[in-house]
Amino acid sequence: MDDYPALNLFWTMLWLFLWILWFFLMFKVLTDIFRSHDMGGWGKAGWTIFVIVLPYIGVLVYLVARGKEMGQRDRALAAKAESDFQEYIRKAAGTENQNAGPRHVDELARLADLKNSGAISADEFEKAKQKLLA
């Protein structure tokens, strides 16, 4: 290893990085082919064969021909994941039905404000809180 110059090490690392990047891009294209709902079975088979048999040309042609739709599918998937996550948070927090009247969290906050302003006593606050949580 002593006779391997630093510049050769740099070039080796660069080529390794580009090789890994290429495989990532190829797998991204292959997963997008199968994720696409606007393409039929024969179209998916044709693109898959094209990408596997002629990988460099196949991936580049796919990116040129269907790159825009590929980005749209990625954005739609990310938006769906975000909305599902937000729905889960609302459900876990108990705020999924906002038309059902005052929620417990809002009511407790209102009671705490009344107690802090001196409008109700600590005893009244505890009674109202127990009634609300029951």
N, C-alpha and C. Protein backbone atom coordinates (compact mmCIF):
# COMPACT_ATOMS: atom_id res chain seq x y z
N MET A 1 0.83 -1.19 0.00
CA MET A 1 0.00 0.00 0.00
C MET A 1 0.87 1.25 0.00
N ASP A 2 2.13 1.12 0.31
CA ASP A 2 3.02 2.29 0.32
C ASP A 2 3.30 2.81 -1.08
N ASP A 3 3.21 1.97 -2.08
CA ASP A 3 3.52 2.41 -3.44
C ASP A 3 2.27 2.83 -4.22
N TYR A 4 1.14 3.04 -3.55
CA TYR A 4 -0.10 3.49 -4.19
C TYR A 4 -0.25 4.99 -3.95
N PRO A 5 -0.03 5.83 -4.97
CA PRO A 5 -0.05 7.28 -4.76
C PRO A 5 -1.41 7.81 -4.32
N ALA A 6 -1.38 8.97 -3.69
CA ALA A 6 -2.62 9.57 -3.16
C ALA A 6 -3.59 9.91 -4.29
N LEU A 7 -3.08 10.35 -5.44
CA LEU A 7 -3.97 10.68 -6.55
C LEU A 7 -4.69 9.43 -7.07
N ASN A 8 -4.00 8.30 -7.11
CA ASN A 8 -4.65 7.05 -7.51
C ASN A 8 -5.72 6.65 -6.50
N LEU A 9 -5.46 6.88 -5.24
CA LEU A 9 -6.47 6.59 -4.22
C LEU A 9 -7.70 7.47 -4.42
N PHE A 10 -7.47 8.75 -4.74
CA PHE A 10 -8.57 9.66 -5.01
C PHE A 10 -9.39 9.17 -6.21
N TRP A 11 -8.72 8.80 -7.30
CA TRP A 11 -9.42 8.32 -8.49
C TRP A 11 -10.18 7.03 -8.22
N THR A 12 -9.59 6.14 -7.44
CA THR A 12 -10.27 4.90 -7.09
C THR A 12 -11.54 5.19 -6.29
N MET A 13 -11.45 6.10 -5.33
CA MET A 13 -12.63 6.45 -4.53
C MET A 13 -13.69 7.13 -5.39
N LEU A 14 -13.27 7.98 -6.33
CA LEU A 14 -14.21 8.65 -7.21
C LEU A 14 -14.95 7.65 -8.09
N TRP A 15 -14.20 6.71 -8.68
CA TRP A 15 -14.85 5.70 -9.53
C TRP A 15 -15.76 4.79 -8.72
N LEU A 16 -15.38 4.45 -7.50
CA LEU A 16 -16.24 3.64 -6.63
C LEU A 16 -17.53 4.39 -6.31
N PHE A 17 -17.41 5.67 -6.00
CA PHE A 17 -18.59 6.49 -5.72
C PHE A 17 -19.50 6.56 -6.94
N LEU A 18 -18.93 6.78 -8.12
CA LEU A 18 -19.74 6.85 -9.34
C LEU A 18 -20.40 5.51 -9.65
N TRP A 19 -19.71 4.41 -9.38
CA TRP A 19 -20.27 3.09 -9.59
C TRP A 19 -21.47 2.86 -8.67
N ILE A 20 -21.34 3.23 -7.41
CA ILE A 20 -22.44 3.08 -6.46
C ILE A 20 -23.60 3.99 -6.86
N LEU A 21 -23.27 5.21 -7.29
CA LEU A 21 -24.30 6.14 -7.75
C LEU A 21 -25.05 5.59 -8.95
N TRP A 22 -24.32 4.95 -9.85
CA TRP A 22 -24.95 4.36 -11.04
C TRP A 22 -25.93 3.25 -10.65
N PHE A 23 -25.52 2.38 -9.72
CA PHE A 23 -26.43 1.31 -9.29
C PHE A 23 -27.65 1.88 -8.59
N PHE A 24 -27.46 2.93 -7.80
CA PHE A 24 -28.60 3.56 -7.15
C PHE A 24 -29.58 4.08 -8.21
N LEU A 25 -29.07 4.76 -9.22
CA LEU A 25 -29.91 5.29 -10.29
C LEU A 25 -30.62 4.18 -11.05
N MET A 26 -29.92 3.09 -11.33
CA MET A 26 -30.53 1.99 -12.05
C MET A 26 -31.65 1.34 -11.23
N PHE A 27 -31.44 1.14 -9.93
CA PHE A 27 -32.48 0.56 -9.10
C PHE A 27 -33.65 1.53 -8.93
N LYS A 28 -33.37 2.82 -8.89
CA LYS A 28 -34.43 3.82 -8.81
C LYS A 28 -35.31 3.76 -10.06
N VAL A 29 -34.69 3.63 -11.22
CA VAL A 29 -35.44 3.53 -12.47
C VAL A 29 -36.25 2.24 -12.49
N LEU A 30 -35.65 1.14 -12.09
CA LEU A 30 -36.38 -0.13 -12.09
C LEU A 30 -37.58 -0.10 -11.14
N THR A 31 -37.41 0.48 -9.96
CA THR A 31 -38.56 0.57 -9.05
C THR A 31 -39.62 1.51 -9.60
N ASP A 32 -39.20 2.57 -10.29
CA ASP A 32 -40.18 3.48 -10.87
C ASP A 32 -40.96 2.81 -12.00
N ILE A 33 -40.29 1.94 -12.75
CA ILE A 33 -40.99 1.21 -13.82
C ILE A 33 -42.14 0.40 -13.23
N PHE A 34 -41.88 -0.31 -12.15
CA PHE A 34 -42.92 -1.16 -11.57
C PHE A 34 -43.93 -0.37 -10.74
N ARG A 35 -43.58 0.84 -10.31
CA ARG A 35 -44.48 1.67 -9.53
C ARG A 35 -45.44 2.45 -10.42
N SER A 36 -45.13 2.58 -11.68
CA SER A 36 -45.91 3.38 -12.60
C SER A 36 -47.25 2.70 -12.90
N HIS A 37 -48.34 3.43 -12.64
CA HIS A 37 -49.68 2.88 -12.89
C HIS A 37 -50.19 3.20 -14.29
N ASP A 38 -49.53 4.12 -14.98
CA ASP A 38 -50.00 4.50 -16.31
C ASP A 38 -49.39 3.66 -17.42
N MET A 39 -48.61 2.66 -17.05
CA MET A 39 -47.95 1.80 -18.03
C MET A 39 -48.48 0.38 -17.86
N GLY A 40 -48.74 -0.28 -18.97
CA GLY A 40 -49.24 -1.65 -18.92
C GLY A 40 -48.13 -2.65 -18.68
N GLY A 41 -48.50 -3.90 -18.63
CA GLY A 41 -47.54 -4.97 -18.37
C GLY A 41 -46.48 -5.10 -19.44
N TRP A 42 -46.88 -4.99 -20.73
CA TRP A 42 -45.91 -5.10 -21.81
C TRP A 42 -44.95 -3.92 -21.81
N GLY A 43 -45.45 -2.76 -21.48
CA GLY A 43 -44.58 -1.58 -21.40
C GLY A 43 -43.55 -1.74 -20.28
N LYS A 44 -44.02 -2.24 -19.14
CA LYS A 44 -43.10 -2.47 -18.03
C LYS A 44 -42.06 -3.53 -18.38
N ALA A 45 -42.51 -4.58 -19.05
CA ALA A 45 -41.57 -5.64 -19.46
C ALA A 45 -40.55 -5.10 -20.46
N GLY A 46 -41.02 -4.31 -21.41
CA GLY A 46 -40.10 -3.74 -22.40
C GLY A 46 -39.07 -2.82 -21.79
N TRP A 47 -39.51 -1.91 -20.91
CA TRP A 47 -38.56 -1.00 -20.25
C TRP A 47 -37.59 -1.78 -19.37
N THR A 48 -38.07 -2.80 -18.67
CA THR A 48 -37.19 -3.59 -17.81
C THR A 48 -36.12 -4.30 -18.63
N ILE A 49 -36.52 -4.92 -19.72
CA ILE A 49 -35.55 -5.60 -20.58
C ILE A 49 -34.56 -4.59 -21.14
N PHE A 50 -35.05 -3.44 -21.58
CA PHE A 50 -34.19 -2.41 -22.13
C PHE A 50 -33.17 -1.91 -21.10
N VAL A 51 -33.61 -1.71 -19.86
CA VAL A 51 -32.72 -1.22 -18.81
C VAL A 51 -31.72 -2.30 -18.39
N ILE A 52 -32.11 -3.56 -18.41
CA ILE A 52 -31.19 -4.63 -17.99
C ILE A 52 -30.22 -5.00 -19.10
N VAL A 53 -30.68 -5.09 -20.35
CA VAL A 53 -29.82 -5.50 -21.46
C VAL A 53 -28.84 -4.39 -21.83
N LEU A 54 -29.33 -3.17 -21.96
CA LEU A 54 -28.49 -2.02 -22.29
C LEU A 54 -28.59 -1.00 -21.16
N PRO A 55 -27.92 -1.25 -20.04
CA PRO A 55 -28.19 -0.44 -18.84
C PRO A 55 -27.91 1.05 -18.99
N TYR A 56 -26.78 1.42 -19.57
CA TYR A 56 -26.47 2.85 -19.66
C TYR A 56 -27.44 3.57 -20.58
N ILE A 57 -27.64 3.04 -21.75
CA ILE A 57 -28.56 3.66 -22.70
C ILE A 57 -30.00 3.57 -22.19
N GLY A 58 -30.38 2.42 -21.64
CA GLY A 58 -31.74 2.23 -21.15
C GLY A 58 -32.11 3.20 -20.05
N VAL A 59 -31.22 3.38 -19.08
CA VAL A 59 -31.51 4.29 -17.97
C VAL A 59 -31.57 5.72 -18.46
N LEU A 60 -30.63 6.10 -19.31
CA LEU A 60 -30.63 7.48 -19.81
C LEU A 60 -31.86 7.77 -20.67
N VAL A 61 -32.25 6.82 -21.52
CA VAL A 61 -33.45 7.01 -22.34
C VAL A 61 -34.69 7.08 -21.45
N TYR A 62 -34.75 6.24 -20.43
CA TYR A 62 -35.89 6.27 -19.51
C TYR A 62 -35.98 7.62 -18.79
N LEU A 63 -34.84 8.13 -18.35
CA LEU A 63 -34.85 9.42 -17.68
C LEU A 63 -35.30 10.55 -18.61
N VAL A 64 -34.90 10.48 -19.86
CA VAL A 64 -35.32 11.51 -20.81
C VAL A 64 -36.81 11.36 -21.14
N ALA A 65 -37.24 10.12 -21.38
CA ALA A 65 -38.62 9.89 -21.81
C ALA A 65 -39.62 10.02 -20.68
N ARG A 66 -39.29 9.54 -19.49
CA ARG A 66 -40.27 9.48 -18.41
C ARG A 66 -39.79 10.13 -17.12
N GLY A 67 -38.76 10.95 -17.19
CA GLY A 67 -38.21 11.58 -15.99
C GLY A 67 -39.19 12.51 -15.30
N LYS A 68 -39.97 13.25 -16.08
CA LYS A 68 -40.94 14.18 -15.49
C LYS A 68 -42.00 13.43 -14.68
N GLU A 69 -42.54 12.36 -15.28
CA GLU A 69 -43.54 11.56 -14.56
C GLU A 69 -42.92 10.88 -13.34
N MET A 70 -41.65 10.50 -13.45
CA MET A 70 -40.95 9.88 -12.33
C MET A 70 -40.89 10.86 -11.15
N GLY A 71 -40.57 12.11 -11.42
CA GLY A 71 -40.55 13.13 -10.37
C GLY A 71 -41.93 13.38 -9.79
N GLN A 72 -42.95 13.38 -10.65
CA GLN A 72 -44.32 13.59 -10.16
C GLN A 72 -44.76 12.45 -9.25
N ARG A 73 -44.40 11.23 -9.62
CA ARG A 73 -44.75 10.09 -8.76
C ARG A 73 -44.03 10.17 -7.41
N ASP A 74 -42.78 10.60 -7.43
CA ASP A 74 -42.04 10.76 -6.17
C ASP A 74 -42.68 11.82 -5.29
N ARG A 75 -43.07 12.95 -5.89
CA ARG A 75 -43.71 14.01 -5.12
C ARG A 75 -45.07 13.56 -4.58
N ALA A 76 -45.83 12.84 -5.39
CA ALA A 76 -47.14 12.34 -4.94
C ALA A 76 -46.98 11.36 -3.79
N LEU A 77 -45.99 10.50 -3.89
CA LEU A 77 -45.74 9.53 -2.81
C LEU A 77 -45.32 10.24 -1.53
N ALA A 78 -44.47 11.26 -1.65
CA ALA A 78 -44.04 12.01 -0.47
C ALA A 78 -45.21 12.78 0.14
N ALA A 79 -46.07 13.36 -0.70
CA ALA A 79 -47.24 14.09 -0.20
C ALA A 79 -48.21 13.14 0.50
N LYS A 80 -48.41 11.95 -0.05
CA LYS A 80 -49.29 10.98 0.59
C LYS A 80 -48.73 10.53 1.93
N ALA A 81 -47.42 10.29 1.98
CA ALA A 81 -46.79 9.90 3.24
C ALA A 81 -46.94 11.01 4.28
N GLU A 82 -46.76 12.25 3.87
CA GLU A 82 -46.90 13.38 4.79
C GLU A 82 -48.33 13.52 5.28
N SER A 83 -49.32 13.38 4.39
CA SER A 83 -50.71 13.49 4.82
C SER A 83 -51.10 12.33 5.73
N ASP A 84 -50.61 11.13 5.44
CA ASP A 84 -50.87 9.99 6.32
C ASP A 84 -50.28 10.22 7.71
N PHE A 85 -49.07 10.79 7.73
CA PHE A 85 -48.42 11.08 9.01
C PHE A 85 -49.20 12.13 9.78
N GLN A 86 -49.64 13.20 9.10
CA GLN A 86 -50.42 14.25 9.76
C GLN A 86 -51.75 13.70 10.27
N GLU A 87 -52.37 12.82 9.49
CA GLU A 87 -53.62 12.21 9.93
C GLU A 87 -53.39 11.35 11.17
N TYR A 88 -52.28 10.62 11.20
CA TYR A 88 -51.95 9.80 12.37
C TYR A 88 -51.74 10.69 13.59
N ILE A 89 -51.05 11.80 13.41
CA ILE A 89 -50.81 12.72 14.53
C ILE A 89 -52.12 13.28 15.06
N ARG A 90 -53.00 13.70 14.14
CA ARG A 90 -54.30 14.22 14.57
C ARG A 90 -55.11 13.15 15.29
N LYS A 91 -55.05 11.94 14.79
CA LYS A 91 -55.79 10.83 15.42
C LYS A 91 -55.23 10.51 16.79
N ALA A 92 -53.90 10.49 16.90
CA ALA A 92 -53.26 10.19 18.18
C ALA A 92 -53.51 11.29 19.20
N ALA A 93 -53.60 12.54 18.74
CA ALA A 93 -53.84 13.65 19.64
C ALA A 93 -55.32 13.81 19.98
N GLY A 94 -56.18 13.10 19.28
CA GLY A 94 -57.60 13.17 19.55
C GLY A 94 -58.27 14.38 18.92
N THR A 95 -57.71 14.88 17.82
CA THR A 95 -58.29 16.06 17.18
C THR A 95 -58.79 15.75 15.79
N GLU A 96 -59.14 14.49 15.52
CA GLU A 96 -59.55 14.15 14.16
C GLU A 96 -60.94 14.66 13.82
N ASN A 97 -61.79 14.86 14.80
CA ASN A 97 -63.15 15.34 14.53
C ASN A 97 -63.31 16.72 15.15
N GLN A 98 -63.10 17.75 14.37
CA GLN A 98 -63.10 19.10 14.91
C GLN A 98 -64.51 19.68 15.00
N ASN A 99 -65.50 19.04 14.41
CA ASN A 99 -66.87 19.53 14.46
C ASN A 99 -67.65 18.92 15.62
N ALA A 100 -67.03 18.14 16.46
CA ALA A 100 -67.72 17.44 17.53
C ALA A 100 -67.84 18.29 18.79
N GLY A 101 -67.58 19.56 18.74
CA GLY A 101 -67.64 20.41 19.91
C GLY A 101 -66.24 20.64 20.47
N PRO A 102 -66.16 21.31 21.63
CA PRO A 102 -64.84 21.62 22.20
C PRO A 102 -64.10 20.35 22.58
N ARG A 103 -62.85 20.34 22.29
CA ARG A 103 -62.01 19.18 22.61
C ARG A 103 -61.50 19.31 24.03
N HIS A 104 -61.08 18.20 24.60
CA HIS A 104 -60.59 18.19 25.98
C HIS A 104 -59.37 19.07 26.15
N VAL A 105 -58.48 19.06 25.20
CA VAL A 105 -57.26 19.85 25.31
C VAL A 105 -57.59 21.33 25.34
N ASP A 106 -58.48 21.76 24.45
CA ASP A 106 -58.87 23.18 24.43
C ASP A 106 -59.59 23.57 25.70
N GLU A 107 -60.43 22.68 26.17
CA GLU A 107 -61.19 22.97 27.40
C GLU A 107 -60.26 23.05 28.61
N LEU A 108 -59.29 22.16 28.69
CA LEU A 108 -58.33 22.22 29.79
C LEU A 108 -57.50 23.49 29.72
N ALA A 109 -57.11 23.90 28.52
CA ALA A 109 -56.35 25.14 28.37
C ALA A 109 -57.19 26.34 28.81
N ARG A 110 -58.47 26.33 28.46
CA ARG A 110 -59.35 27.42 28.88
C ARG A 110 -59.50 27.46 30.40
N LEU A 111 -59.64 26.29 31.01
CA LEU A 111 -59.73 26.23 32.47
C LEU A 111 -58.45 26.72 33.13
N ALA A 112 -57.30 26.35 32.58
CA ALA A 112 -56.03 26.80 33.14
C ALA A 112 -55.90 28.32 33.02
N ASP A 113 -56.36 28.89 31.92
CA ASP A 113 -56.32 30.34 31.77
C ASP A 113 -57.22 31.03 32.79
N LEU A 114 -58.40 30.45 33.01
CA LEU A 114 -59.30 31.01 34.01
C LEU A 114 -58.69 30.95 35.40
N LYS A 115 -58.04 29.84 35.71
CA LYS A 115 -57.39 29.70 37.02
C LYS A 115 -56.24 30.69 37.17
N ASN A 116 -55.44 30.83 36.12
CA ASN A 116 -54.29 31.74 36.18
C ASN A 116 -54.72 33.20 36.26
N SER A 117 -55.85 33.54 35.66
CA SER A 117 -56.33 34.93 35.72
C SER A 117 -57.05 35.22 37.03
N GLY A 118 -57.35 34.18 37.79
CA GLY A 118 -58.01 34.38 39.08
C GLY A 118 -59.52 34.33 38.99
N ALA A 119 -60.06 34.00 37.85
CA ALA A 119 -61.51 33.94 37.67
C ALA A 119 -62.11 32.76 38.42
N ILE A 120 -61.36 31.67 38.56
CA ILE A 120 -61.83 30.52 39.34
C ILE A 120 -60.72 30.14 40.32
N SER A 121 -61.12 29.49 41.39
CA SER A 121 -60.13 29.08 42.40
C SER A 121 -59.51 27.74 42.01
N ALA A 122 -58.47 27.37 42.71
CA ALA A 122 -57.79 26.10 42.44
C ALA A 122 -58.74 24.94 42.71
N ASP A 123 -59.60 25.08 43.72
CA ASP A 123 -60.57 24.04 44.02
C ASP A 123 -61.58 23.87 42.89
N GLU A 124 -62.09 24.99 42.37
CA GLU A 124 -63.02 24.94 41.26
C GLU A 124 -62.36 24.37 39.99
N PHE A 125 -61.07 24.72 39.81
CA PHE A 125 -60.32 24.20 38.66
C PHE A 125 -60.21 22.68 38.74
N GLU A 126 -59.87 22.16 39.91
CA GLU A 126 -59.74 20.71 40.08
C GLU A 126 -61.07 19.99 39.86
N LYS A 127 -62.16 20.58 40.37
CA LYS A 127 -63.48 19.96 40.17
C LYS A 127 -63.85 19.94 38.69
N ALA A 128 -63.62 21.05 38.00
CA ALA A 128 -63.95 21.13 36.57
C ALA A 128 -63.08 20.19 35.76
N LYS A 129 -61.81 20.07 36.16
CA LYS A 129 -60.90 19.18 35.45
C LYS A 129 -61.32 17.72 35.64
N GLN A 130 -61.69 17.33 36.86
CA GLN A 130 -62.15 15.97 37.11
C GLN A 130 -63.43 15.67 36.34
N LYS A 131 -64.32 16.65 36.28
CA LYS A 131 -65.57 16.47 35.53
C LYS A 131 -65.28 16.31 34.04
N LEU A 132 -64.34 17.11 33.52
CA LEU A 132 -63.99 17.05 32.10
C LEU A 132 -63.32 15.74 31.74
N LEU A 133 -62.43 15.25 32.60
CA LEU A 133 -61.69 14.03 32.31
C LEU A 133 -62.47 12.77 32.59
N ALA A 134 -63.59 12.88 33.28
CA ALA A 134 -64.39 11.70 33.61
C ALA A 134 -65.19 11.20 32.44
